[in-house]
């Protein structure tokens, strides 16, 4: 099912702004699972993967829908898993 995980963003796009979709996937999901401050946030002691795209995914969800083209950097639990920035 991993290959379908971004389909949710595509399905929500006609009804929500990109920012609302991102908040739902991060901040609101953390609240739902009672993990606010631990996930869905970039702060000290939070569990987070950091993704860096070549364009702003809040402005254009297609950036997220095509990670092979736009995703440049991934850090998982503080370990760099992908880096094509430089």
N, C-alpha and C. Protein backbone atom coordinates (compact mmCIF):
# COMPACT_ATOMS: atom_id res chain seq x y z
N UNK A 1 0.82 -1.21 0.00
CA UNK A 1 0.00 0.00 0.00
C UNK A 1 0.86 1.27 0.00
N UNK A 2 2.16 1.11 0.26
CA UNK A 2 3.03 2.28 0.32
C UNK A 2 2.97 3.11 -0.97
N UNK A 3 2.84 2.43 -2.10
CA UNK A 3 2.83 3.17 -3.37
C UNK A 3 1.59 4.04 -3.53
N UNK A 4 0.56 3.82 -2.71
CA UNK A 4 -0.67 4.60 -2.80
C UNK A 4 -0.78 5.70 -1.74
N UNK A 5 0.22 5.83 -0.88
CA UNK A 5 0.08 6.74 0.25
C UNK A 5 -0.13 8.20 -0.15
N UNK A 6 0.42 8.64 -1.26
CA UNK A 6 0.24 10.03 -1.68
C UNK A 6 -1.09 10.26 -2.39
N UNK A 7 -1.79 9.21 -2.68
CA UNK A 7 -3.09 9.32 -3.34
C UNK A 7 -4.07 10.13 -2.48
N UNK A 8 -3.93 10.04 -1.17
CA UNK A 8 -4.79 10.81 -0.27
C UNK A 8 -4.68 12.30 -0.54
N UNK A 9 -3.47 12.79 -0.76
CA UNK A 9 -3.30 14.21 -1.06
C UNK A 9 -4.06 14.58 -2.33
N UNK A 10 -3.95 13.75 -3.32
CA UNK A 10 -4.63 13.99 -4.60
C UNK A 10 -6.15 14.01 -4.42
N UNK A 11 -6.68 13.10 -3.62
CA UNK A 11 -8.12 13.03 -3.39
C UNK A 11 -8.64 14.23 -2.60
N UNK A 12 -7.83 14.77 -1.71
CA UNK A 12 -8.24 15.91 -0.89
C UNK A 12 -8.14 17.25 -1.62
N UNK A 13 -7.28 17.30 -2.63
CA UNK A 13 -6.96 18.57 -3.31
C UNK A 13 -8.17 19.37 -3.79
N UNK A 14 -9.23 18.75 -4.32
CA UNK A 14 -10.37 19.57 -4.75
C UNK A 14 -11.14 20.23 -3.60
N UNK A 15 -10.90 19.76 -2.37
CA UNK A 15 -11.71 20.22 -1.24
C UNK A 15 -10.93 21.00 -0.19
N UNK A 16 -9.61 20.87 -0.19
CA UNK A 16 -8.79 21.53 0.81
C UNK A 16 -7.61 22.21 0.13
N UNK A 17 -7.11 23.25 0.79
CA UNK A 17 -5.91 23.90 0.28
C UNK A 17 -4.70 23.00 0.57
N UNK A 18 -3.61 23.19 -0.14
CA UNK A 18 -2.42 22.39 0.16
C UNK A 18 -1.97 22.53 1.62
N UNK A 19 -2.06 23.73 2.18
CA UNK A 19 -1.66 23.91 3.57
C UNK A 19 -2.55 23.10 4.52
N UNK A 20 -3.84 23.07 4.26
CA UNK A 20 -4.76 22.27 5.09
C UNK A 20 -4.43 20.79 4.98
N UNK A 21 -4.08 20.35 3.81
CA UNK A 21 -3.72 18.94 3.61
C UNK A 21 -2.45 18.60 4.38
N UNK A 22 -1.44 19.46 4.31
CA UNK A 22 -0.20 19.23 5.04
C UNK A 22 -0.43 19.21 6.54
N UNK A 23 -1.23 20.16 7.03
CA UNK A 23 -1.51 20.19 8.48
C UNK A 23 -2.24 18.93 8.93
N UNK A 24 -3.17 18.47 8.11
CA UNK A 24 -3.90 17.24 8.42
C UNK A 24 -2.95 16.05 8.51
N UNK A 25 -2.00 15.99 7.60
CA UNK A 25 -1.06 14.87 7.56
C UNK A 25 0.00 14.92 8.64
N UNK A 26 0.20 16.07 9.23
CA UNK A 26 1.27 16.22 10.23
C UNK A 26 0.72 16.61 11.60
N UNK A 27 0.37 17.85 11.76
CA UNK A 27 -0.05 18.37 13.07
C UNK A 27 -1.33 17.69 13.58
N UNK A 28 -2.34 17.61 12.73
CA UNK A 28 -3.62 17.03 13.17
C UNK A 28 -3.49 15.52 13.41
N UNK A 29 -2.67 14.85 12.61
CA UNK A 29 -2.44 13.43 12.84
C UNK A 29 -1.73 13.22 14.18
N UNK A 30 -0.79 14.08 14.50
CA UNK A 30 -0.11 13.99 15.80
C UNK A 30 -1.10 14.17 16.94
N UNK A 31 -1.99 15.15 16.79
CA UNK A 31 -3.02 15.36 17.83
C UNK A 31 -3.89 14.12 17.99
N UNK A 32 -4.30 13.55 16.85
CA UNK A 32 -5.18 12.38 16.86
C UNK A 32 -4.56 11.21 17.62
N UNK A 33 -3.26 11.03 17.46
CA UNK A 33 -2.57 9.92 18.10
C UNK A 33 -1.94 10.30 19.45
N UNK A 34 -2.32 11.50 19.94
CA UNK A 34 -1.82 12.01 21.22
C UNK A 34 -0.30 12.04 21.27
N UNK A 35 0.28 12.52 20.16
CA UNK A 35 1.73 12.61 20.05
C UNK A 35 2.17 14.02 19.67
N UNK A 36 1.34 15.01 19.99
CA UNK A 36 1.68 16.40 19.68
C UNK A 36 3.03 16.76 20.30
N UNK A 37 3.87 17.41 19.52
CA UNK A 37 5.19 17.77 19.98
C UNK A 37 6.22 16.69 19.76
N UNK A 38 5.77 15.46 19.57
CA UNK A 38 6.70 14.36 19.29
C UNK A 38 6.77 14.05 17.81
N UNK A 39 5.64 14.15 17.12
CA UNK A 39 5.59 13.97 15.66
C UNK A 39 4.80 15.14 15.08
N UNK A 40 4.97 15.36 13.80
CA UNK A 40 4.24 16.45 13.16
C UNK A 40 4.80 17.82 13.46
N UNK A 41 6.02 17.87 13.98
CA UNK A 41 6.65 19.14 14.35
C UNK A 41 8.15 19.05 14.13
N UNK A 42 8.75 20.19 13.87
CA UNK A 42 10.21 20.25 13.80
C UNK A 42 10.65 21.01 15.04
N UNK A 43 11.12 20.27 16.03
CA UNK A 43 11.56 20.86 17.28
C UNK A 43 12.43 19.86 18.02
N UNK A 44 13.13 20.32 19.02
CA UNK A 44 14.00 19.47 19.81
C UNK A 44 13.22 18.31 20.41
N UNK A 45 13.79 17.11 20.33
CA UNK A 45 13.24 15.88 20.91
C UNK A 45 12.03 15.33 20.15
N UNK A 46 11.69 15.92 19.01
CA UNK A 46 10.59 15.37 18.20
C UNK A 46 11.13 14.26 17.31
N UNK A 47 10.27 13.29 17.02
CA UNK A 47 10.60 12.24 16.07
C UNK A 47 10.16 12.76 14.71
N UNK A 48 11.10 12.92 13.81
CA UNK A 48 10.70 13.53 12.55
C UNK A 48 11.58 13.04 11.41
N UNK A 49 10.94 12.94 10.26
CA UNK A 49 11.66 12.80 9.01
C UNK A 49 11.60 14.19 8.39
N UNK A 50 12.69 14.61 7.82
CA UNK A 50 12.73 15.92 7.18
C UNK A 50 12.86 15.71 5.69
N UNK A 51 11.95 16.31 4.94
CA UNK A 51 11.94 16.21 3.49
C UNK A 51 12.18 17.60 2.91
N UNK A 52 13.04 17.68 1.90
CA UNK A 52 13.28 18.93 1.22
C UNK A 52 13.02 18.72 -0.27
N UNK A 53 12.15 19.55 -0.80
CA UNK A 53 11.78 19.49 -2.21
C UNK A 53 12.43 20.65 -2.96
N UNK A 54 12.49 20.54 -4.27
CA UNK A 54 13.07 21.62 -5.08
C UNK A 54 12.10 22.77 -5.32
N UNK A 55 10.85 22.59 -4.95
CA UNK A 55 9.84 23.65 -5.02
C UNK A 55 8.98 23.54 -3.77
N UNK A 56 8.21 24.58 -3.51
CA UNK A 56 7.38 24.62 -2.31
C UNK A 56 6.15 23.74 -2.49
N UNK A 57 6.02 22.64 -1.73
CA UNK A 57 4.88 21.74 -1.87
C UNK A 57 3.57 22.34 -1.33
N UNK A 58 3.66 23.43 -0.59
CA UNK A 58 2.44 24.11 -0.14
C UNK A 58 1.84 24.90 -1.29
N UNK A 59 2.67 25.36 -2.20
CA UNK A 59 2.19 26.09 -3.36
C UNK A 59 1.69 25.16 -4.47
N UNK A 60 2.25 23.95 -4.53
CA UNK A 60 1.93 23.03 -5.62
C UNK A 60 2.04 21.59 -5.12
N UNK A 61 0.90 20.94 -4.92
CA UNK A 61 0.91 19.55 -4.43
C UNK A 61 1.51 18.58 -5.43
N UNK A 62 1.60 18.95 -6.70
CA UNK A 62 2.22 18.07 -7.68
C UNK A 62 3.69 17.80 -7.35
N UNK A 63 4.29 18.69 -6.60
CA UNK A 63 5.66 18.48 -6.15
C UNK A 63 5.72 17.21 -5.30
N UNK A 64 4.75 17.02 -4.44
CA UNK A 64 4.69 15.86 -3.56
C UNK A 64 4.27 14.61 -4.34
N UNK A 65 3.41 14.80 -5.30
CA UNK A 65 2.90 13.67 -6.07
C UNK A 65 3.97 13.06 -6.98
N UNK A 66 5.05 13.77 -7.20
CA UNK A 66 6.15 13.29 -8.05
C UNK A 66 7.48 13.34 -7.30
N UNK A 67 7.61 12.54 -6.24
CA UNK A 67 8.82 12.62 -5.41
C UNK A 67 10.09 12.26 -6.18
N UNK A 68 10.00 11.35 -7.14
CA UNK A 68 11.19 10.97 -7.91
C UNK A 68 11.76 12.16 -8.67
N UNK A 69 10.93 13.13 -8.99
CA UNK A 69 11.36 14.31 -9.72
C UNK A 69 11.75 15.48 -8.81
N UNK A 70 11.05 15.64 -7.68
CA UNK A 70 11.20 16.85 -6.88
C UNK A 70 11.81 16.67 -5.49
N UNK A 71 11.82 15.48 -4.94
CA UNK A 71 12.35 15.26 -3.59
C UNK A 71 13.87 15.20 -3.64
N UNK A 72 14.52 16.12 -2.92
CA UNK A 72 15.97 16.25 -2.98
C UNK A 72 16.71 15.76 -1.74
N UNK A 73 16.03 15.74 -0.60
CA UNK A 73 16.71 15.42 0.66
C UNK A 73 15.74 14.72 1.59
N UNK A 74 16.22 13.65 2.23
CA UNK A 74 15.43 12.94 3.25
C UNK A 74 16.34 12.67 4.44
N UNK A 75 15.87 13.05 5.61
CA UNK A 75 16.53 12.70 6.86
C UNK A 75 15.53 11.91 7.68
N UNK A 76 15.91 10.69 8.05
CA UNK A 76 15.05 9.82 8.86
C UNK A 76 15.71 9.62 10.21
N UNK A 77 15.03 10.08 11.24
CA UNK A 77 15.54 9.95 12.61
C UNK A 77 16.96 10.49 12.73
N UNK A 78 17.21 11.60 12.03
CA UNK A 78 18.50 12.26 12.12
C UNK A 78 19.58 11.69 11.21
N UNK A 79 19.25 10.67 10.44
CA UNK A 79 20.20 10.06 9.52
C UNK A 79 19.80 10.42 8.09
N UNK A 80 20.76 10.91 7.32
CA UNK A 80 20.47 11.30 5.95
C UNK A 80 20.27 10.04 5.09
N UNK A 81 19.08 9.94 4.49
CA UNK A 81 18.75 8.79 3.65
C UNK A 81 18.87 9.13 2.16
N UNK A 82 18.78 10.40 1.84
CA UNK A 82 18.92 10.86 0.44
C UNK A 82 19.41 12.29 0.47
N UNK A 83 20.35 12.59 -0.43
CA UNK A 83 20.83 13.97 -0.53
C UNK A 83 21.31 14.24 -1.94
N UNK A 84 20.50 14.96 -2.70
CA UNK A 84 20.90 15.37 -4.05
C UNK A 84 20.90 16.90 -4.15
N UNK A 85 21.15 17.54 -3.02
CA UNK A 85 21.13 19.01 -2.97
C UNK A 85 22.36 19.65 -3.61
N UNK A 86 23.46 19.01 -3.55
CA UNK A 86 24.63 19.72 -3.95
C UNK A 86 25.45 19.15 -5.00
